[in-house]
């Protein structure tokens, strides 16, 4: 559970670092790069411990899959509420198919 929490916090920082600057398109590119790097530092402060702690319980493929599912849970909310984007049905279907892939990663064959 600790791994999931740390990955979630990490992903929030990552989403803001990667996409938050899109609301500030008139700012100089170098400025948003520097700010994004600053935000990404905090992402790594949660990501690295999450993967280290999680590696005792999950395989690297499982850790990456967990991270992607968290991303697909956080990004649509961020996109709609922060960026003002419309969430279309085909985005939901595509995200759901990626989440369904987790079944194959975590299923014991």
PDB file of N, CA and C in Angstrom:
ATOM      1  N   UNK A   1       0.825  -1.193   0.000  1.00  0.00           N
ATOM      2  CA  UNK A   1       0.000   0.000   0.000  1.00  0.00           C
ATOM      3  C   UNK A   1       0.872   1.260   0.000  1.00  0.00           C
ATOM      4  N   UNK A   2       1.987   1.186   0.715  1.00  0.00           N
ATOM      5  CA  UNK A   2       2.896   2.331   0.764  1.00  0.00           C
ATOM      6  C   UNK A   2       3.436   2.642  -0.632  1.00  0.00           C
ATOM      7  N   UNK A   3       3.739   1.595  -1.389  1.00  0.00           N
ATOM      8  CA  UNK A   3       4.230   1.785  -2.754  1.00  0.00           C
ATOM      9  C   UNK A   3       3.198   2.504  -3.606  1.00  0.00           C
ATOM     10  N   UNK A   4       1.943   2.095  -3.509  1.00  0.00           N
ATOM     11  CA  UNK A   4       0.868   2.710  -4.302  1.00  0.00           C
ATOM     12  C   UNK A   4       0.714   4.186  -3.927  1.00  0.00           C
ATOM     13  N   UNK A   5       0.759   4.482  -2.647  1.00  0.00           N
ATOM     14  CA  UNK A   5       0.637   5.873  -2.190  1.00  0.00           C
ATOM     15  C   UNK A   5       1.787   6.719  -2.715  1.00  0.00           C
ATOM     16  N   UNK A   6       3.011   6.221  -2.597  1.00  0.00           N
ATOM     17  CA  UNK A   6       4.168   6.974  -3.090  1.00  0.00           C
ATOM     18  C   UNK A   6       4.115   7.151  -4.608  1.00  0.00           C
ATOM     19  N   UNK A   7       3.693   6.110  -5.316  1.00  0.00           N
ATOM     20  CA  UNK A   7       3.568   6.227  -6.771  1.00  0.00           C
ATOM     21  C   UNK A   7       2.489   7.231  -7.161  1.00  0.00           C
ATOM     22  N   UNK A   8       1.424   7.285  -6.398  1.00  0.00           N
ATOM     23  CA  UNK A   8       0.348   8.246  -6.683  1.00  0.00           C
ATOM     24  C   UNK A   8       0.844   9.675  -6.487  1.00  0.00           C
ATOM     25  N   UNK A   9       1.523   9.928  -5.374  1.00  0.00           N
ATOM     26  CA  UNK A   9       2.066  11.270  -5.127  1.00  0.00           C
ATOM     27  C   UNK A   9       3.073  11.631  -6.211  1.00  0.00           C
ATOM     28  N   UNK A  10       3.936  10.688  -6.545  1.00  0.00           N
ATOM     29  CA  UNK A  10       4.912  10.901  -7.603  1.00  0.00           C
ATOM     30  C   UNK A  10       4.233  11.265  -8.913  1.00  0.00           C
ATOM     31  N   UNK A  11       3.166  10.557  -9.218  1.00  0.00           N
ATOM     32  CA  UNK A  11       2.484  10.782 -10.489  1.00  0.00           C
ATOM     33  C   UNK A  11       1.801  12.141 -10.535  1.00  0.00           C
ATOM     34  N   UNK A  12       1.304  12.613  -9.426  1.00  0.00           N
ATOM     35  CA  UNK A  12       0.705  13.949  -9.399  1.00  0.00           C
ATOM     36  C   UNK A  12       1.767  14.990  -9.753  1.00  0.00           C
ATOM     37  N   UNK A  13       2.940  14.884  -9.122  1.00  0.00           N
ATOM     38  CA  UNK A  13       4.036  15.802  -9.460  1.00  0.00           C
ATOM     39  C   UNK A  13       4.436  15.661 -10.925  1.00  0.00           C
ATOM     40  N   UNK A  14       4.531  14.424 -11.410  1.00  0.00           N
ATOM     41  CA  UNK A  14       4.925  14.190 -12.789  1.00  0.00           C
ATOM     42  C   UNK A  14       3.933  14.826 -13.768  1.00  0.00           C
ATOM     43  N   UNK A  15       2.654  14.639 -13.501  1.00  0.00           N
ATOM     44  CA  UNK A  15       1.636  15.185 -14.390  1.00  0.00           C
ATOM     45  C   UNK A  15       1.716  16.706 -14.438  1.00  0.00           C
ATOM     46  N   UNK A  16       1.898  17.328 -13.284  1.00  0.00           N
ATOM     47  CA  UNK A  16       2.029  18.788 -13.245  1.00  0.00           C
ATOM     48  C   UNK A  16       3.299  19.232 -13.970  1.00  0.00           C
ATOM     49  N   UNK A  17       4.407  18.514 -13.762  1.00  0.00           N
ATOM     50  CA  UNK A  17       5.667  18.883 -14.416  1.00  0.00           C
ATOM     51  C   UNK A  17       5.575  18.742 -15.932  1.00  0.00           C
ATOM     52  N   UNK A  18       4.958  17.675 -16.399  1.00  0.00           N
ATOM     53  CA  UNK A  18       4.918  17.416 -17.836  1.00  0.00           C
ATOM     54  C   UNK A  18       3.861  18.229 -18.571  1.00  0.00           C
ATOM     55  N   UNK A  19       2.728  18.492 -17.915  1.00  0.00           N
ATOM     56  CA  UNK A  19       1.605  19.093 -18.631  1.00  0.00           C
ATOM     57  C   UNK A  19       1.107  20.405 -18.049  1.00  0.00           C
ATOM     58  N   UNK A  20       1.505  20.748 -16.840  1.00  0.00           N
ATOM     59  CA  UNK A  20       1.005  21.960 -16.198  1.00  0.00           C
ATOM     60  C   UNK A  20       1.348  23.228 -16.951  1.00  0.00           C
ATOM     61  N   UNK A  21       2.478  23.233 -17.613  1.00  0.00           N
ATOM     62  CA  UNK A  21       2.914  24.421 -18.351  1.00  0.00           C
ATOM     63  C   UNK A  21       2.040  24.736 -19.555  1.00  0.00           C
ATOM     64  N   UNK A  22       1.190  23.801 -19.969  1.00  0.00           N
ATOM     65  CA  UNK A  22       0.352  24.050 -21.146  1.00  0.00           C
ATOM     66  C   UNK A  22      -0.650  25.187 -20.917  1.00  0.00           C
ATOM     67  N   UNK A  23      -0.900  25.520 -19.662  1.00  0.00           N
ATOM     68  CA  UNK A  23      -1.759  26.681 -19.369  1.00  0.00           C
ATOM     69  C   UNK A  23      -0.998  27.990 -19.517  1.00  0.00           C
ATOM     70  N   UNK A  24       0.302  27.923 -19.676  1.00  0.00           N
ATOM     71  CA  UNK A  24       1.141  29.119 -19.731  1.00  0.00           C
ATOM     72  C   UNK A  24       1.938  29.144 -21.036  1.00  0.00           C
ATOM     73  N   UNK A  25       1.245  29.037 -22.115  1.00  0.00           N
ATOM     74  CA  UNK A  25       1.894  28.936 -23.429  1.00  0.00           C
ATOM     75  C   UNK A  25       2.613  30.217 -23.843  1.00  0.00           C
ATOM     76  N   UNK A  26       2.271  31.332 -23.218  1.00  0.00           N
ATOM     77  CA  UNK A  26       2.934  32.586 -23.584  1.00  0.00           C
ATOM     78  C   UNK A  26       4.268  32.761 -22.859  1.00  0.00           C
ATOM     79  N   UNK A  27       4.533  31.939 -21.856  1.00  0.00           N
ATOM     80  CA  UNK A  27       5.817  32.010 -21.143  1.00  0.00           C
ATOM     81  C   UNK A  27       6.931  31.459 -22.028  1.00  0.00           C
ATOM     82  N   UNK A  28       8.121  31.964 -21.794  1.00  0.00           N
ATOM     83  CA  UNK A  28       9.288  31.487 -22.543  1.00  0.00           C
ATOM     84  C   UNK A  28       9.509  29.998 -22.251  1.00  0.00           C
ATOM     85  N   UNK A  29       9.897  29.283 -23.282  1.00  0.00           N
ATOM     86  CA  UNK A  29      10.100  27.841 -23.149  1.00  0.00           C
ATOM     87  C   UNK A  29      11.140  27.517 -22.085  1.00  0.00           C
ATOM     88  N   UNK A  30      12.221  28.270 -22.040  1.00  0.00           N
ATOM     89  CA  UNK A  30      13.261  27.987 -21.050  1.00  0.00           C
ATOM     90  C   UNK A  30      12.723  28.108 -19.629  1.00  0.00           C
ATOM     91  N   UNK A  31      11.797  29.034 -19.404  1.00  0.00           N
ATOM     92  CA  UNK A  31      11.220  29.211 -18.071  1.00  0.00           C
ATOM     93  C   UNK A  31      10.392  27.998 -17.660  1.00  0.00           C
ATOM     94  N   UNK A  32       9.555  27.524 -18.567  1.00  0.00           N
ATOM     95  CA  UNK A  32       8.716  26.378 -18.207  1.00  0.00           C
ATOM     96  C   UNK A  32       9.554  25.106 -18.075  1.00  0.00           C
ATOM     97  N   UNK A  33      10.654  25.022 -18.807  1.00  0.00           N
ATOM     98  CA  UNK A  33      11.553  23.870 -18.644  1.00  0.00           C
ATOM     99  C   UNK A  33      12.162  23.883 -17.245  1.00  0.00           C
ATOM    100  N   UNK A  34      12.636  25.029 -16.802  1.00  0.00           N
ATOM    101  CA  UNK A  34      13.255  25.130 -15.478  1.00  0.00           C
ATOM    102  C   UNK A  34      12.232  24.819 -14.383  1.00  0.00           C
ATOM    103  N   UNK A  35      11.040  25.379 -14.505  1.00  0.00           N
ATOM    104  CA  UNK A  35       9.995  25.111 -13.511  1.00  0.00           C
ATOM    105  C   UNK A  35       9.618  23.628 -13.536  1.00  0.00           C
ATOM    106  N   UNK A  36       9.478  23.062 -14.722  1.00  0.00           N
ATOM    107  CA  UNK A  36       9.129  21.641 -14.828  1.00  0.00           C
ATOM    108  C   UNK A  36      10.206  20.759 -14.203  1.00  0.00           C
ATOM    109  N   UNK A  37      11.463  21.090 -14.411  1.00  0.00           N
ATOM    110  CA  UNK A  37      12.539  20.330 -13.784  1.00  0.00           C
ATOM    111  C   UNK A  37      12.457  20.423 -12.267  1.00  0.00           C
ATOM    112  N   UNK A  38      12.143  21.611 -11.776  1.00  0.00           N
ATOM    113  CA  UNK A  38      12.002  21.781 -10.330  1.00  0.00           C
ATOM    114  C   UNK A  38      10.888  20.921  -9.756  1.00  0.00           C
ATOM    115  N   UNK A  39       9.779  20.871 -10.461  1.00  0.00           N
ATOM    116  CA  UNK A  39       8.654  20.034 -10.023  1.00  0.00           C
ATOM    117  C   UNK A  39       9.021  18.560 -10.136  1.00  0.00           C
ATOM    118  N   UNK A  40       9.714  18.210 -11.221  1.00  0.00           N
ATOM    119  CA  UNK A  40      10.096  16.806 -11.442  1.00  0.00           C
ATOM    120  C   UNK A  40      11.041  16.305 -10.348  1.00  0.00           C
ATOM    121  N   UNK A  41      11.811  17.202  -9.736  1.00  0.00           N
ATOM    122  CA  UNK A  41      12.670  16.783  -8.634  1.00  0.00           C
ATOM    123  C   UNK A  41      11.840  16.117  -7.539  1.00  0.00           C
ATOM    124  N   UNK A  42      10.705  16.720  -7.220  1.00  0.00           N
ATOM    125  CA  UNK A  42       9.845  16.160  -6.175  1.00  0.00           C
ATOM    126  C   UNK A  42       9.205  14.846  -6.635  1.00  0.00           C
ATOM    127  N   UNK A  43       8.942  14.754  -7.928  1.00  0.00           N
ATOM    128  CA  UNK A  43       8.425  13.487  -8.460  1.00  0.00           C
ATOM    129  C   UNK A  43       9.428  12.367  -8.173  1.00  0.00           C
ATOM    130  N   UNK A  44      10.693  12.615  -8.442  1.00  0.00           N
ATOM    131  CA  UNK A  44      11.719  11.605  -8.203  1.00  0.00           C
ATOM    132  C   UNK A  44      11.891  11.293  -6.721  1.00  0.00           C
ATOM    133  N   UNK A  45      11.661  12.291  -5.869  1.00  0.00           N
ATOM    134  CA  UNK A  45      11.772  12.060  -4.417  1.00  0.00           C
ATOM    135  C   UNK A  45      10.735  11.043  -3.925  1.00  0.00           C
ATOM    136  N   UNK A  46       9.648  10.870  -4.672  1.00  0.00           N
ATOM    137  CA  UNK A  46       8.636   9.867  -4.322  1.00  0.00           C
ATOM    138  C   UNK A  46       8.754   8.618  -5.193  1.00  0.00           C
ATOM    139  N   UNK A  47       9.124   8.800  -6.442  1.00  0.00           N
ATOM    140  CA  UNK A  47       9.194   7.680  -7.389  1.00  0.00           C
ATOM    141  C   UNK A  47      10.276   6.683  -7.017  1.00  0.00           C
ATOM    142  N   UNK A  48      11.465   7.187  -6.726  1.00  0.00           N
ATOM    143  CA  UNK A  48      12.587   6.291  -6.438  1.00  0.00           C
ATOM    144  C   UNK A  48      12.322   5.449  -5.184  1.00  0.00           C
ATOM    145  N   UNK A  49      11.899   6.053  -4.068  1.00  0.00           N
ATOM    146  CA  UNK A  49      11.573   5.208  -2.911  1.00  0.00           C
ATOM    147  C   UNK A  49      10.420   4.243  -3.184  1.00  0.00           C
ATOM    148  N   UNK A  50       9.429   4.690  -3.954  1.00  0.00           N
ATOM    149  CA  UNK A  50       8.302   3.805  -4.275  1.00  0.00           C
ATOM    150  C   UNK A  50       8.784   2.565  -5.004  1.00  0.00           C
ATOM    151  N   UNK A  51       9.649   2.749  -5.980  1.00  0.00           N
ATOM    152  CA  UNK A  51      10.159   1.601  -6.727  1.00  0.00           C
ATOM    153  C   UNK A  51      11.085   0.743  -5.883  1.00  0.00           C
ATOM    154  N   UNK A  52      11.876   1.380  -5.043  1.00  0.00           N
ATOM    155  CA  UNK A  52      12.780   0.608  -4.176  1.00  0.00           C
ATOM    156  C   UNK A  52      11.974  -0.242  -3.208  1.00  0.00           C
ATOM    157  N   UNK A  53      11.007   0.380  -2.533  1.00  0.00           N
ATOM    158  CA  UNK A  53      10.167  -0.345  -1.573  1.00  0.00           C
ATOM    159  C   UNK A  53       9.329  -1.403  -2.302  1.00  0.00           C
ATOM    160  N   UNK A  54       8.756  -1.011  -3.419  1.00  0.00           N
ATOM    161  CA  UNK A  54       7.896  -1.917  -4.174  1.00  0.00           C
ATOM    162  C   UNK A  54       8.616  -3.096  -4.780  1.00  0.00           C
ATOM    163  N   UNK A  55       9.920  -2.964  -4.995  1.00  0.00           N
ATOM    164  CA  UNK A  55      10.671  -4.044  -5.637  1.00  0.00           C
ATOM    165  C   UNK A  55      10.752  -5.295  -4.768  1.00  0.00           C
ATOM    166  N   UNK A  56      10.446  -5.168  -3.479  1.00  0.00           N
ATOM    167  CA  UNK A  56      10.428  -6.332  -2.602  1.00  0.00           C
ATOM    168  C   UNK A  56       9.134  -7.123  -2.729  1.00  0.00           C
ATOM    169  N   UNK A  57       8.142  -6.506  -3.342  1.00  0.00           N
ATOM    170  CA  UNK A  57       6.823  -7.136  -3.473  1.00  0.00           C
ATOM    171  C   UNK A  57       6.416  -7.374  -4.929  1.00  0.00           C
ATOM    172  N   UNK A  58       6.872  -6.487  -5.822  1.00  0.00           N
ATOM    173  CA  UNK A  58       6.450  -6.531  -7.217  1.00  0.00           C
ATOM    174  C   UNK A  58       7.658  -6.674  -8.137  1.00  0.00           C
ATOM    175  N   UNK A  59       7.412  -7.215  -9.326  1.00  0.00           N
ATOM    176  CA  UNK A  59       8.442  -7.253 -10.356  1.00  0.00           C
ATOM    177  C   UNK A  59       8.527  -5.866 -10.990  1.00  0.00           C
ATOM    178  N   UNK A  60       9.620  -5.569 -11.707  1.00  0.00           N
ATOM    179  CA  UNK A  60       9.692  -4.280 -12.399  1.00  0.00           C
ATOM    180  C   UNK A  60       8.524  -4.060 -13.379  1.00  0.00           C
ATOM    181  N   UNK A  61       8.118  -5.102 -14.079  1.00  0.00           N
ATOM    182  CA  UNK A  61       6.982  -4.976 -15.008  1.00  0.00           C
ATOM    183  C   UNK A  61       5.695  -4.641 -14.256  1.00  0.00           C
ATOM    184  N   UNK A  62       5.524  -5.230 -13.092  1.00  0.00           N
ATOM    185  CA  UNK A  62       4.335  -4.929 -12.292  1.00  0.00           C
ATOM    186  C   UNK A  62       4.383  -3.498 -11.758  1.00  0.00           C
ATOM    187  N   UNK A  63       5.560  -3.056 -11.313  1.00  0.00           N
ATOM    188  CA  UNK A  63       5.689  -1.673 -10.841  1.00  0.00           C
ATOM    189  C   UNK A  63       5.345  -0.681 -11.953  1.00  0.00           C
ATOM    190  N   UNK A  64       5.841  -0.938 -13.137  1.00  0.00           N
ATOM    191  CA  UNK A  64       5.558  -0.042 -14.272  1.00  0.00           C
ATOM    192  C   UNK A  64       4.081  -0.061 -14.612  1.00  0.00           C
ATOM    193  N   UNK A  65       3.476  -1.220 -14.550  1.00  0.00           N
ATOM    194  CA  UNK A  65       2.044  -1.334 -14.836  1.00  0.00           C
ATOM    195  C   UNK A  65       1.236  -0.562 -13.800  1.00  0.00           C
ATOM    196  N   UNK A  66       1.592  -0.684 -12.530  1.00  0.00           N
ATOM    197  CA  UNK A  66       0.906   0.073 -11.481  1.00  0.00           C
ATOM    198  C   UNK A  66       1.029   1.566 -11.766  1.00  0.00           C
ATOM    199  N   UNK A  67       2.236   2.000 -12.124  1.00  0.00           N
ATOM    200  CA  UNK A  67       2.453   3.422 -12.418  1.00  0.00           C
ATOM    201  C   UNK A  67       1.575   3.884 -13.578  1.00  0.00           C
ATOM    202  N   UNK A  68       1.474   3.090 -14.608  1.00  0.00           N
ATOM    203  CA  UNK A  68       0.661   3.477 -15.769  1.00  0.00           C
ATOM    204  C   UNK A  68      -0.822   3.545 -15.415  1.00  0.00           C
ATOM    205  N   UNK A  69      -1.286   2.629 -14.603  1.00  0.00           N
ATOM    206  CA  UNK A  69      -2.693   2.663 -14.194  1.00  0.00           C
ATOM    207  C   UNK A  69      -2.963   3.894 -13.346  1.00  0.00           C
ATOM    208  N   UNK A  70      -2.024   4.230 -12.473  1.00  0.00           N
ATOM    209  CA  UNK A  70      -2.177   5.455 -11.683  1.00  0.00           C
ATOM    210  C   UNK A  70      -2.206   6.662 -12.608  1.00  0.00           C
ATOM    211  N   UNK A  71      -1.321   6.686 -13.593  1.00  0.00           N
ATOM    212  CA  UNK A  71      -1.299   7.780 -14.568  1.00  0.00           C
ATOM    213  C   UNK A  71      -2.645   7.909 -15.272  1.00  0.00           C
ATOM    214  N   UNK A  72      -3.200   6.774 -15.678  1.00  0.00           N
ATOM    215  CA  UNK A  72      -4.471   6.797 -16.396  1.00  0.00           C
ATOM    216  C   UNK A  72      -5.637   7.158 -15.492  1.00  0.00           C
ATOM    217  N   UNK A  73      -5.425   7.150 -14.195  1.00  0.00           N
ATOM    218  CA  UNK A  73      -6.455   7.591 -13.257  1.00  0.00           C
ATOM    219  C   UNK A  73      -6.327   9.079 -12.963  1.00  0.00           C
ATOM    220  N   UNK A  74      -5.095   9.562 -12.883  1.00  0.00           N
ATOM    221  CA  UNK A  74      -4.854  10.957 -12.523  1.00  0.00           C
ATOM    222  C   UNK A  74      -4.960  11.883 -13.722  1.00  0.00           C
ATOM    223  N   UNK A  75      -4.387  11.487 -14.855  1.00  0.00           N
ATOM    224  CA  UNK A  75      -4.317  12.396 -15.994  1.00  0.00           C
ATOM    225  C   UNK A  75      -5.677  12.891 -16.486  1.00  0.00           C
ATOM    226  N   UNK A  76      -6.682  12.034 -16.639  1.00  0.00           N
ATOM    227  CA  UNK A  76      -7.966  12.565 -17.122  1.00  0.00           C
ATOM    228  C   UNK A  76      -8.554  13.636 -16.189  1.00  0.00           C
ATOM    229  N   UNK A  77      -8.422  13.438 -14.896  1.00  0.00           N
ATOM    230  CA  UNK A  77      -8.933  14.427 -13.934  1.00  0.00           C
ATOM    231  C   UNK A  77      -8.163  15.736 -14.093  1.00  0.00           C
ATOM    232  N   UNK A  78      -6.845  15.643 -14.168  1.00  0.00           N
ATOM    233  CA  UNK A  78      -6.000  16.817 -14.354  1.00  0.00           C
ATOM    234  C   UNK A  78      -6.335  17.518 -15.667  1.00  0.00           C
ATOM    235  N   UNK A  79      -6.468  16.751 -16.717  1.00  0.00           N
ATOM    236  CA  UNK A  79      -6.737  17.301 -18.041  1.00  0.00           C
ATOM    237  C   UNK A  79      -8.058  18.057 -18.092  1.00  0.00           C
ATOM    238  N   UNK A  80      -9.075  17.503 -17.472  1.00  0.00           N
ATOM    239  CA  UNK A  80     -10.397  18.139 -17.499  1.00  0.00           C
ATOM    240  C   UNK A  80     -10.437  19.356 -16.574  1.00  0.00           C
ATOM    241  N   UNK A  81      -9.989  19.189 -15.325  1.00  0.00           N
ATOM    242  CA  UNK A  81     -10.162  20.246 -14.337  1.00  0.00           C
ATOM    243  C   UNK A  81      -9.080  21.317 -14.369  1.00  0.00           C
ATOM    244  N   UNK A  82      -7.864  20.979 -14.748  1.00  0.00           N
ATOM    245  CA  UNK A  82      -6.797  21.976 -14.767  1.00  0.00           C
ATOM    246  C   UNK A  82      -6.605  22.574 -16.153  1.00  0.00           C
ATOM    247  N   UNK A  83      -6.606  21.711 -17.168  1.00  0.00           N
ATOM    248  CA  UNK A  83      -6.361  22.188 -18.526  1.00  0.00           C
ATOM    249  C   UNK A  83      -7.638  22.551 -19.268  1.00  0.00           C
ATOM    250  N   UNK A  84      -8.793  22.167 -18.733  1.00  0.00           N
ATOM    251  CA  UNK A  84     -10.059  22.486 -19.380  1.00  0.00           C
ATOM    252  C   UNK A  84     -10.327  21.671 -20.626  1.00  0.00           C
ATOM    253  N   UNK A  85      -9.699  20.537 -20.737  1.00  0.00           N
ATOM    254  CA  UNK A  85      -9.885  19.660 -21.896  1.00  0.00           C
ATOM    255  C   UNK A  85     -11.185  18.879 -21.750  1.00  0.00           C
ATOM    256  N   UNK A  86     -11.759  18.488 -22.859  1.00  0.00           N
ATOM    257  CA  UNK A  86     -12.946  17.628 -22.832  1.00  0.00           C
ATOM    258  C   UNK A  86     -12.489  16.181 -22.889  1.00  0.00           C
ATOM    259  N   UNK A  87     -13.084  15.371 -22.045  1.00  0.00           N
ATOM    260  CA  UNK A  87     -12.760  13.938 -22.044  1.00  0.00           C
ATOM    261  C   UNK A  87     -13.733  13.243 -22.977  1.00  0.00           C
ATOM    262  N   UNK A  88     -13.209  12.638 -24.029  1.00  0.00           N
ATOM    263  CA  UNK A  88     -14.036  11.990 -25.036  1.00  0.00           C
ATOM    264  C   UNK A  88     -14.156  10.498 -24.748  1.00  0.00           C
ATOM    265  N   UNK A  89     -15.221   9.899 -25.245  1.00  0.00           N
ATOM    266  CA  UNK A  89     -15.493   8.482 -24.975  1.00  0.00           C
ATOM    267  C   UNK A  89     -14.359   7.593 -25.454  1.00  0.00           C
ATOM    268  N   UNK A  90     -13.756   7.929 -26.604  1.00  0.00           N
ATOM    269  CA  UNK A  90     -12.700   7.068 -27.130  1.00  0.00           C
ATOM    270  C   UNK A  90     -11.445   7.111 -26.250  1.00  0.00           C
ATOM    271  N   UNK A  91     -11.216   8.223 -25.530  1.00  0.00           N
ATOM    272  CA  UNK A  91     -10.120   8.268 -24.572  1.00  0.00           C
ATOM    273  C   UNK A  91     -10.378   7.237 -23.469  1.00  0.00           C
ATOM    274  N   UNK A  92     -11.601   7.221 -22.980  1.00  0.00           N
ATOM    275  CA  UNK A  92     -11.977   6.283 -21.919  1.00  0.00           C
ATOM    276  C   UNK A  92     -11.809   4.835 -22.349  1.00  0.00           C
ATOM    277  N   UNK A  93     -12.228   4.532 -23.568  1.00  0.00           N
ATOM    278  CA  UNK A  93     -12.090   3.157 -24.079  1.00  0.00           C
ATOM    279  C   UNK A  93     -10.613   2.788 -24.201  1.00  0.00           C
ATOM    280  N   UNK A  94      -9.819   3.698 -24.742  1.00  0.00           N
ATOM    281  CA  UNK A  94      -8.387   3.435 -24.881  1.00  0.00           C
ATOM    282  C   UNK A  94      -7.717   3.231 -23.534  1.00  0.00           C
ATOM    283  N   UNK A  95      -8.038   4.082 -22.566  1.00  0.00           N
ATOM    284  CA  UNK A  95      -7.471   3.942 -21.228  1.00  0.00           C
ATOM    285  C   UNK A  95      -7.910   2.624 -20.601  1.00  0.00           C
ATOM    286  N   UNK A  96      -9.167   2.265 -20.780  1.00  0.00           N
ATOM    287  CA  UNK A  96      -9.686   1.016 -20.207  1.00  0.00           C
ATOM    288  C   UNK A  96      -8.958  -0.196 -20.792  1.00  0.00           C
ATOM    289  N   UNK A  97      -8.647  -0.159 -22.077  1.00  0.00           N
ATOM    290  CA  UNK A  97      -7.920  -1.270 -22.687  1.00  0.00           C
ATOM    291  C   UNK A  97      -6.506  -1.388 -22.116  1.00  0.00           C
ATOM    292  N   UNK A  98      -5.885  -0.259 -21.840  1.00  0.00           N
ATOM    293  CA  UNK A  98      -4.561  -0.303 -21.227  1.00  0.00           C
ATOM    294  C   UNK A  98      -4.650  -0.862 -19.812  1.00  0.00           C
ATOM    295  N   UNK A  99      -5.666  -0.454 -19.075  1.00  0.00           N
ATOM    296  CA  UNK A  99      -5.864  -0.988 -17.724  1.00  0.00           C
ATOM    297  C   UNK A  99      -6.150  -2.489 -17.796  1.00  0.00           C
ATOM    298  N   UNK A 100      -6.906  -2.912 -18.797  1.00  0.00           N
ATOM    299  CA  UNK A 100      -7.190  -4.346 -18.952  1.00  0.00           C
ATOM    300  C   UNK A 100      -5.902  -5.136 -19.176  1.00  0.00           C
ATOM    301  N   UNK A 101      -4.909  -4.498 -19.771  1.00  0.00           N
ATOM    302  CA  UNK A 101      -3.625  -5.171 -19.976  1.00  0.00           C
ATOM    303  C   UNK A 101      -2.986  -5.559 -18.642  1.00  0.00           C
ATOM    304  N   UNK A 102      -3.324  -4.834 -17.595  1.00  0.00           N
ATOM    305  CA  UNK A 102      -2.777  -5.149 -16.268  1.00  0.00           C
ATOM    306  C   UNK A 102      -3.173  -6.558 -15.845  1.00  0.00           C
ATOM    307  N   UNK A 103      -4.313  -7.012 -16.282  1.00  0.00           N
ATOM    308  CA  UNK A 103      -4.736  -8.381 -15.970  1.00  0.00           C
ATOM    309  C   UNK A 103      -3.672  -9.380 -16.387  1.00  0.00           C
ATOM    310  N   UNK A 104      -3.131  -9.177 -17.578  1.00  0.00           N
ATOM    311  CA  UNK A 104      -2.138 -10.115 -18.102  1.00  0.00           C
ATOM    312  C   UNK A 104      -0.798  -9.985 -17.390  1.00  0.00           C
ATOM    313  N   UNK A 105      -0.505  -8.812 -16.873  1.00  0.00           N
ATOM    314  CA  UNK A 105       0.745  -8.603 -16.139  1.00  0.00           C
ATOM    315  C   UNK A 105       0.668  -9.255 -14.759  1.00  0.00           C
ATOM    316  N   UNK A 106      -0.487  -9.125 -14.090  1.00  0.00           N
ATOM    317  CA  UNK A 106      -0.599  -9.582 -12.702  1.00  0.00           C
ATOM    318  C   UNK A 106      -1.192 -10.981 -12.549  1.00  0.00           C
ATOM    319  N   UNK A 107      -1.797 -11.506 -13.589  1.00  0.00           N
ATOM    320  CA  UNK A 107      -2.398 -12.838 -13.504  1.00  0.00           C
ATOM    321  C   UNK A 107      -1.309 -13.900 -13.354  1.00  0.00           C
ATOM    322  N   UNK A 108      -1.519 -14.810 -12.452  1.00  0.00           N
ATOM    323  CA  UNK A 108      -0.559 -15.910 -12.251  1.00  0.00           C
ATOM    324  C   UNK A 108      -0.872 -17.011 -13.275  1.00  0.00           C
ATOM    325  N   UNK A 109      -0.008 -17.192 -14.231  1.00  0.00           N
ATOM    326  CA  UNK A 109      -0.224 -18.184 -15.293  1.00  0.00           C
ATOM    327  C   UNK A 109       0.429 -19.484 -14.926  1.00  0.00           C
TER     328      UNK A 109
END
